[in-house]
Amino acid sequence: MSRRWIGSVALIAGLLVALFLVFRTPDTDAAAMRAKYGGPASRFIDISPGFTVHVRDQGRQDAPALILIHGSNASLHTWEPWVARLKDRYRLISLDLQGHGLTGPIPSGCYTSACMAETVEAVRAKLGVERAAIAGNSMGGGVALAYALAHPDRTTALILVDSGGVPPVANAPEPDLPLGFRIARMPMLRDLAASITPRALVERSLQQSVSVQSVVTPAAVDRYWDLLRYPGNRAATMVRFSQPRTTITDATYAPLKMPVLILWGKEDRLIPVASVAAFQRALPEAKAIIYSGIGHIPQEETPDRSAADVDSFLRGKPALTAQPAPAA
C-alpha cells in the first residue's frame, strides 16, 4: 500500500470529519426545551421507569373527554387550535408520543402503532378517564385505530384526520412525500439525518405537508426543528422508520363498532384523498368530510371548520361542511 494512497484516504477522511463537524446539528437542551415549549398547561407523567410523557389536560374536567394524538415528527402543539375552540364543551387531552416532542425516547425502543397506543392507554389510566373519543392525525390516526382495536370499551368515538393506517387503495398513486420523510426511508441518509438536520430541511418538509402556507411561520418551523432535536428524538425517528410495517386489510377494522368521523384535506400530498374511500369501504358507517384547499394538517390549516365539524359529530348533529368522498 503506497504512502500516496494512504495519504489520499487520510485526506478524504479528514474532509468528511470536517464536513460533519461543520454541518452537524447537535441535540437541543432538554431543560431549555421544557421551559420554551412546556407552558402552564403541561404536565409530565411518569409511565414506567425512565419513561415520562408530556401531557396537556385542558378544558372542562366534567365534560366528555377527547384524546388527541399527533402525527409523525409533530407534537401535542398541533392540537392547540382545536383546544382553543372546543375547551368550553370538552375535556381535551393531548400528549407527546414516545420519540416526539418533550417526551423523548422510550427505553423499550418500541415505536410501533401498537406500542404508541399503549402509551395513550397508560396516560388515560393515569388521568382517571373512564372512556374517551380518540382523534389522530397522520401517524396519530394509525395509533388511534390501534387504540380503538385494543381498547374498544374505552373508545366512545373515533376521529381520523388525514390518517395513517389506510386500507389498500386501488391504483393508488405514489405519495408525494416531503423531503424529510424521503430521507428517513433511505437507510444511509437516515443514519446521517440523526446528526445532520438543517432547519431548512424541516421548513421545506412542513411546506410540502400543508396547502395553507400561512401556518408555516418561523415560530412553527423553530418548534418542529427544536423538538426533532430533543435528546433522543432523532434516533427514535430512525428506529421508527426502520421498523416493519403492519399489514392492513379491509378486515382489520371490522371489529370497530363505535362512531367514526373521517376528516381529510383534498390537497393532501402525503396521504392522498383517495384514502377516504378506502377507509369508508372498511368502515362503511363512517362519516367523511373533505376540505377543499387544505393539505395534510386540517386542525391547523382550517381550525374553525374542522373543530366545528368535530363538535357537531360528537354532539350527534349533522356535519357542517360534509362533502362526498372521491372514489378510490
Protein backbone atom coordinates (compact mmCIF):
# COMPACT_ATOMS: atom_id res chain seq x y z
CA MET A 1 0.00 0.00 0.00
CA SER A 2 1.63 3.24 -1.14
CA ARG A 3 2.10 6.27 1.06
CA ARG A 4 0.27 8.35 -1.55
CA TRP A 5 -2.83 6.10 -1.30
CA ILE A 6 -2.74 6.21 2.50
CA GLY A 7 -2.39 9.97 2.35
CA SER A 8 -5.37 10.28 0.00
CA VAL A 9 -7.54 8.15 2.26
CA ALA A 10 -6.50 10.19 5.28
CA LEU A 11 -7.27 13.42 3.42
CA ILE A 12 -10.74 12.23 2.41
CA ALA A 13 -11.44 11.02 5.94
CA GLY A 14 -10.31 14.35 7.32
CA LEU A 15 -12.55 16.23 4.90
CA LEU A 16 -15.54 14.07 5.84
CA VAL A 17 -14.92 14.68 9.54
CA ALA A 18 -14.59 18.40 8.89
CA LEU A 19 -17.82 18.47 6.88
CA PHE A 20 -19.59 16.54 9.63
CA LEU A 21 -18.40 18.98 12.28
CA VAL A 22 -19.44 21.96 10.17
CA PHE A 23 -22.93 20.71 9.27
CA ARG A 24 -23.73 18.71 12.42
CA THR A 25 -26.80 19.98 14.25
CA PRO A 26 -26.50 19.00 17.92
CA ASP A 27 -29.37 17.99 20.16
CA THR A 28 -31.22 20.74 21.95
CA ASP A 29 -31.10 21.01 25.74
CA ALA A 30 -33.98 19.14 27.40
CA ALA A 31 -34.46 21.63 30.23
CA ALA A 32 -34.41 24.58 27.84
CA MET A 33 -36.97 22.87 25.59
CA ARG A 34 -39.30 22.17 28.52
CA ALA A 35 -39.07 25.82 29.53
CA LYS A 36 -39.71 27.01 25.97
CA TYR A 37 -42.43 24.60 24.86
CA GLY A 38 -43.96 23.37 28.10
CA GLY A 39 -46.17 26.10 29.48
CA PRO A 40 -48.72 26.27 32.31
CA ALA A 41 -50.94 23.54 30.83
CA SER A 42 -48.14 20.98 30.55
CA ARG A 43 -47.71 18.00 32.86
CA PHE A 44 -45.05 15.32 32.85
CA ILE A 45 -46.46 11.94 33.85
CA ASP A 46 -44.24 9.02 34.88
CA ILE A 47 -45.45 5.95 32.99
CA SER A 48 -42.65 3.47 33.68
CA PRO A 49 -39.00 3.58 34.81
CA GLY A 50 -37.17 6.01 32.53
CA PHE A 51 -40.27 6.98 30.58
CA THR A 52 -42.12 10.24 31.28
CA VAL A 53 -44.81 11.57 28.93
CA HIS A 54 -45.58 15.22 28.22
CA VAL A 55 -49.34 15.70 28.57
CA ARG A 56 -51.83 18.56 28.49
CA ASP A 57 -55.24 18.06 30.14
CA GLN A 58 -57.34 21.10 29.25
CA GLY A 59 -60.95 22.22 29.00
CA ARG A 60 -63.80 21.17 31.27
CA GLN A 61 -62.88 18.36 33.63
CA ASP A 62 -66.54 17.34 33.97
CA ALA A 63 -67.15 17.17 30.20
CA PRO A 64 -66.81 14.29 27.70
CA ALA A 65 -63.14 13.53 27.05
CA LEU A 66 -61.39 13.77 23.68
CA ILE A 67 -57.84 12.39 23.41
CA LEU A 68 -55.76 14.00 20.64
CA ILE A 69 -52.87 12.11 19.01
CA HIS A 70 -50.37 13.98 16.82
CA GLY A 71 -48.64 12.86 13.65
CA SER A 72 -45.09 11.87 12.74
CA ASN A 73 -42.42 14.31 13.97
CA ALA A 74 -45.13 16.62 15.30
CA SER A 75 -46.14 17.28 18.91
CA LEU A 76 -49.19 17.99 21.01
CA HIS A 77 -48.93 21.65 19.96
CA THR A 78 -50.60 20.76 16.65
CA TRP A 79 -53.90 20.41 18.55
CA GLU A 80 -53.90 23.79 20.27
CA PRO A 81 -56.17 25.34 17.58
CA TRP A 82 -58.82 22.72 18.41
CA VAL A 83 -58.26 23.15 22.14
CA ALA A 84 -58.94 26.87 21.85
CA ARG A 85 -62.23 26.20 20.05
CA LEU A 86 -63.51 23.15 21.96
CA LYS A 87 -62.36 23.72 25.55
CA ASP A 88 -65.76 25.02 26.70
CA ARG A 89 -67.50 21.76 25.74
CA TYR A 90 -64.91 19.00 26.22
CA ARG A 91 -62.05 17.71 28.31
CA LEU A 92 -59.17 17.78 25.83
CA ILE A 93 -56.18 15.53 26.48
CA SER A 94 -53.15 15.76 24.22
CA LEU A 95 -49.77 14.08 24.60
CA ASP A 96 -46.36 13.78 23.01
CA LEU A 97 -45.86 10.16 21.94
CA GLN A 98 -42.56 8.39 22.52
CA GLY A 99 -39.80 9.78 20.33
CA HIS A 100 -41.66 13.07 19.91
CA GLY A 101 -41.96 16.49 21.47
CA LEU A 102 -40.95 16.82 25.11
CA THR A 103 -41.48 13.12 25.85
CA GLY A 104 -38.32 11.82 24.20
CA PRO A 105 -37.40 8.19 23.60
CA ILE A 106 -38.88 5.15 25.33
CA PRO A 107 -36.43 2.71 26.98
CA SER A 108 -38.05 -0.29 25.25
CA GLY A 109 -37.26 1.20 21.84
CA CYS A 110 -40.74 0.31 20.58
CA TYR A 111 -42.28 2.86 18.21
CA THR A 112 -44.97 0.81 16.51
CA SER A 113 -48.57 1.99 16.43
CA ALA A 114 -49.46 -0.73 18.92
CA CYS A 115 -46.80 0.41 21.39
CA MET A 116 -47.83 4.03 20.98
CA ALA A 117 -51.46 3.04 21.58
CA GLU A 118 -50.40 1.53 24.90
CA THR A 119 -48.76 4.84 25.80
CA VAL A 120 -52.12 6.51 25.16
CA GLU A 121 -53.81 3.88 27.34
CA ALA A 122 -51.30 4.44 30.15
CA VAL A 123 -51.95 8.20 30.06
CA ARG A 124 -55.72 7.59 30.09
CA ALA A 125 -55.40 5.38 33.15
CA LYS A 126 -53.11 7.82 34.96
CA LEU A 127 -55.61 10.65 34.40
CA GLY A 128 -58.53 8.54 35.57
CA VAL A 129 -60.54 8.92 32.37
CA GLU A 130 -63.04 6.09 32.01
CA ARG A 131 -63.89 6.50 28.32
CA ALA A 132 -62.97 8.98 25.60
CA ALA A 133 -63.30 9.83 21.95
CA ILE A 134 -59.96 9.37 20.20
CA ALA A 135 -58.70 11.65 17.41
CA GLY A 136 -55.49 11.19 15.46
CA ASN A 137 -53.77 12.98 12.60
CA SER A 138 -51.48 11.18 10.13
CA MET A 139 -49.40 8.65 12.08
CA GLY A 140 -51.58 9.52 15.06
CA GLY A 141 -54.61 8.27 13.15
CA GLY A 142 -52.95 4.89 12.84
CA VAL A 143 -52.28 4.98 16.58
CA ALA A 144 -55.92 5.94 17.23
CA LEU A 145 -57.07 2.96 15.16
CA ALA A 146 -54.70 0.64 17.03
CA TYR A 147 -56.01 2.02 20.32
CA ALA A 148 -59.66 1.52 19.33
CA LEU A 149 -58.94 -2.07 18.28
CA ALA A 150 -57.12 -2.83 21.54
CA HIS A 151 -59.49 -0.90 23.83
CA PRO A 152 -62.94 -0.70 22.22
CA ASP A 153 -64.63 -0.49 25.63
CA ARG A 154 -62.68 2.70 26.35
CA THR A 155 -63.36 4.33 22.97
CA THR A 156 -66.61 6.27 22.55
CA ALA A 157 -65.84 7.54 19.04
CA LEU A 158 -63.00 7.69 16.54
CA ILE A 159 -61.89 10.74 14.54
CA LEU A 160 -59.39 10.13 11.73
CA VAL A 161 -57.70 13.26 10.37
CA ASP A 162 -55.68 12.57 7.19
CA SER A 163 -54.96 9.32 8.94
CA GLY A 164 -52.31 6.68 8.63
CA GLY A 165 -53.29 3.02 8.79
CA VAL A 166 -55.02 3.23 5.40
CA PRO A 167 -56.53 0.01 3.98
CA PRO A 168 -55.43 -0.92 0.44
CA VAL A 169 -56.26 1.74 -2.17
CA ALA A 170 -56.88 0.52 -5.72
CA ASN A 171 -54.49 2.07 -8.27
CA ALA A 172 -53.10 4.34 -5.60
CA PRO A 173 -50.63 6.94 -6.87
CA GLU A 174 -47.27 7.15 -5.18
CA PRO A 175 -47.50 9.70 -2.36
CA ASP A 176 -45.55 12.90 -2.87
CA LEU A 177 -43.56 12.58 0.34
CA PRO A 178 -41.95 15.65 1.91
CA LEU A 179 -38.17 15.64 1.63
CA GLY A 180 -37.64 14.80 5.29
CA PHE A 181 -39.81 11.68 5.03
CA ARG A 182 -37.98 10.53 1.90
CA ILE A 183 -34.65 10.85 3.66
CA ALA A 184 -35.96 8.93 6.68
CA ARG A 185 -36.81 6.00 4.39
CA MET A 186 -33.28 5.75 2.94
CA PRO A 187 -31.05 3.76 5.31
CA MET A 188 -27.74 5.57 4.67
CA LEU A 189 -29.24 9.07 4.61
CA ARG A 190 -31.46 8.15 7.56
CA ASP A 191 -28.43 7.44 9.72
CA LEU A 192 -26.82 10.69 8.65
CA ALA A 193 -30.00 12.63 9.43
CA ALA A 194 -29.73 11.54 13.06
CA SER A 195 -26.85 14.01 13.37
CA ILE A 196 -27.33 16.45 10.49
CA THR A 197 -30.79 18.00 10.40
CA PRO A 198 -30.70 21.53 8.97
CA ARG A 199 -33.56 23.88 9.76
CA ALA A 200 -34.15 24.38 6.03
CA LEU A 201 -34.96 20.66 5.67
CA VAL A 202 -37.60 20.90 8.39
CA GLU A 203 -39.06 24.06 6.87
CA ARG A 204 -39.25 22.51 3.39
CA SER A 205 -40.91 19.34 4.73
CA LEU A 206 -43.54 21.38 6.58
CA GLN A 207 -44.21 23.49 3.47
CA GLN A 208 -44.73 20.32 1.44
CA SER A 209 -47.15 18.91 4.03
CA VAL A 210 -49.67 21.74 4.00
CA SER A 211 -51.66 23.64 1.42
CA VAL A 212 -52.28 26.71 3.60
CA GLN A 213 -48.74 28.08 3.70
CA SER A 214 -49.58 30.70 6.32
CA VAL A 215 -49.28 28.02 9.01
CA VAL A 216 -45.57 27.66 8.17
CA THR A 217 -44.46 30.51 10.41
CA PRO A 218 -40.89 30.96 11.66
CA ALA A 219 -42.10 30.03 15.15
CA ALA A 220 -43.74 26.82 13.87
CA VAL A 221 -40.60 25.81 11.97
CA ASP A 222 -38.47 26.54 15.03
CA ARG A 223 -40.73 24.36 17.17
CA TYR A 224 -40.62 21.40 14.77
CA TRP A 225 -36.85 21.77 14.40
CA ASP A 226 -36.16 22.23 18.11
CA LEU A 227 -38.31 19.29 19.20
CA LEU A 228 -37.00 16.98 16.49
CA ARG A 229 -33.58 17.60 18.05
CA TYR A 230 -34.83 17.00 21.60
CA PRO A 231 -32.41 14.44 23.10
CA GLY A 232 -33.12 11.01 21.65
CA ASN A 233 -35.91 12.02 19.27
CA ARG A 234 -33.90 11.82 16.05
CA ALA A 235 -32.53 8.39 16.90
CA ALA A 236 -36.07 7.28 17.80
CA THR A 237 -37.32 8.56 14.44
CA MET A 238 -34.71 6.49 12.62
CA VAL A 239 -35.74 3.39 14.58
CA ARG A 240 -39.41 4.06 13.85
CA PHE A 241 -38.87 4.38 10.11
CA SER A 242 -36.80 1.19 10.04
CA GLN A 243 -39.41 -0.96 11.80
CA PRO A 244 -41.52 -3.30 9.63
CA ARG A 245 -44.97 -2.04 8.70
CA THR A 246 -48.14 -3.79 9.81
CA THR A 247 -50.17 -5.40 7.03
CA ILE A 248 -53.65 -3.86 6.86
CA THR A 249 -56.69 -5.24 5.05
CA ASP A 250 -60.35 -4.23 4.99
CA ALA A 251 -60.98 -6.92 7.61
CA THR A 252 -58.53 -5.31 10.03
CA TYR A 253 -61.07 -2.72 11.11
CA ALA A 254 -64.17 -4.94 11.05
CA PRO A 255 -64.28 -5.16 14.89
CA LEU A 256 -64.69 -1.38 15.22
CA LYS A 257 -68.31 -0.57 16.03
CA MET A 258 -68.02 2.93 17.53
CA PRO A 259 -68.98 6.04 15.51
CA VAL A 260 -66.21 7.15 13.13
CA LEU A 261 -65.61 10.56 11.56
CA ILE A 262 -63.07 10.97 8.75
CA LEU A 263 -61.67 14.45 8.06
CA TRP A 264 -59.36 14.97 5.07
CA GLY A 265 -57.62 17.75 3.20
CA LYS A 266 -58.34 17.42 -0.51
CA GLU A 267 -54.86 18.67 -1.38
CA ASP A 268 -53.04 16.21 0.90
CA ARG A 269 -49.89 15.11 -0.94
CA LEU A 270 -48.62 12.82 1.80
CA ILE A 271 -51.69 10.58 2.21
CA PRO A 272 -53.89 11.22 -0.86
CA VAL A 273 -57.61 11.91 -0.51
CA ALA A 274 -58.39 8.63 -2.31
CA SER A 275 -57.64 7.05 1.06
CA VAL A 276 -61.02 8.28 2.31
CA ALA A 277 -62.91 5.87 0.07
CA ALA A 278 -60.65 3.03 1.25
CA PHE A 279 -61.48 3.83 4.87
CA GLN A 280 -65.19 4.05 4.06
CA ARG A 281 -65.02 0.66 2.38
CA ALA A 282 -63.52 -0.83 5.55
CA LEU A 283 -65.70 1.29 7.86
CA PRO A 284 -68.99 1.59 5.94
CA GLU A 285 -70.78 3.53 8.70
CA ALA A 286 -68.08 6.21 8.88
CA LYS A 287 -68.92 9.80 8.03
CA ALA A 288 -66.43 11.69 5.85
CA ILE A 289 -65.75 15.38 5.31
CA ILE A 290 -63.36 16.64 2.63
CA TYR A 291 -61.85 20.13 2.87
CA SER A 292 -61.04 21.81 -0.44
CA GLY A 293 -57.81 23.78 -0.49
CA ILE A 294 -56.48 22.02 2.62
CA GLY A 295 -53.46 19.74 2.93
CA HIS A 296 -52.27 17.19 5.47
CA ILE A 297 -52.96 19.06 8.74
CA PRO A 298 -56.60 20.27 8.80
CA GLN A 299 -56.56 21.00 12.53
CA GLU A 300 -54.03 23.75 11.82
CA GLU A 301 -54.97 24.72 8.26
CA THR A 302 -58.73 25.06 8.81
CA PRO A 303 -59.23 25.03 12.58
CA ASP A 304 -62.64 26.75 12.63
CA ARG A 305 -64.28 24.36 10.19
CA SER A 306 -62.62 21.18 11.42
CA ALA A 307 -63.28 21.91 15.11
CA ALA A 308 -66.92 22.77 14.35
CA ASP A 309 -67.31 19.50 12.45
CA VAL A 310 -65.82 17.54 15.35
CA ASP A 311 -68.20 19.27 17.76
CA SER A 312 -71.20 18.50 15.55
CA PHE A 313 -70.13 14.87 15.23
CA LEU A 314 -69.61 14.38 18.96
CA ARG A 315 -72.94 16.04 19.72
CA GLY A 316 -74.72 13.84 17.19
CA LYS A 317 -75.60 16.66 14.81
CA PRO A 318 -75.21 16.71 11.01
CA ALA A 319 -71.76 17.72 9.80
CA LEU A 320 -71.44 21.37 8.86
CA THR A 321 -69.23 21.02 5.80
CA ALA A 322 -69.87 17.47 4.63
CA GLN A 323 -68.85 16.59 1.09
CA PRO A 324 -68.92 13.25 -0.73
CA ALA A 325 -65.67 11.34 -0.71
CA PRO A 326 -63.96 10.75 -4.06
CA ALA A 327 -63.93 7.20 -5.36
CA ALA A 328 -60.86 5.10 -4.64
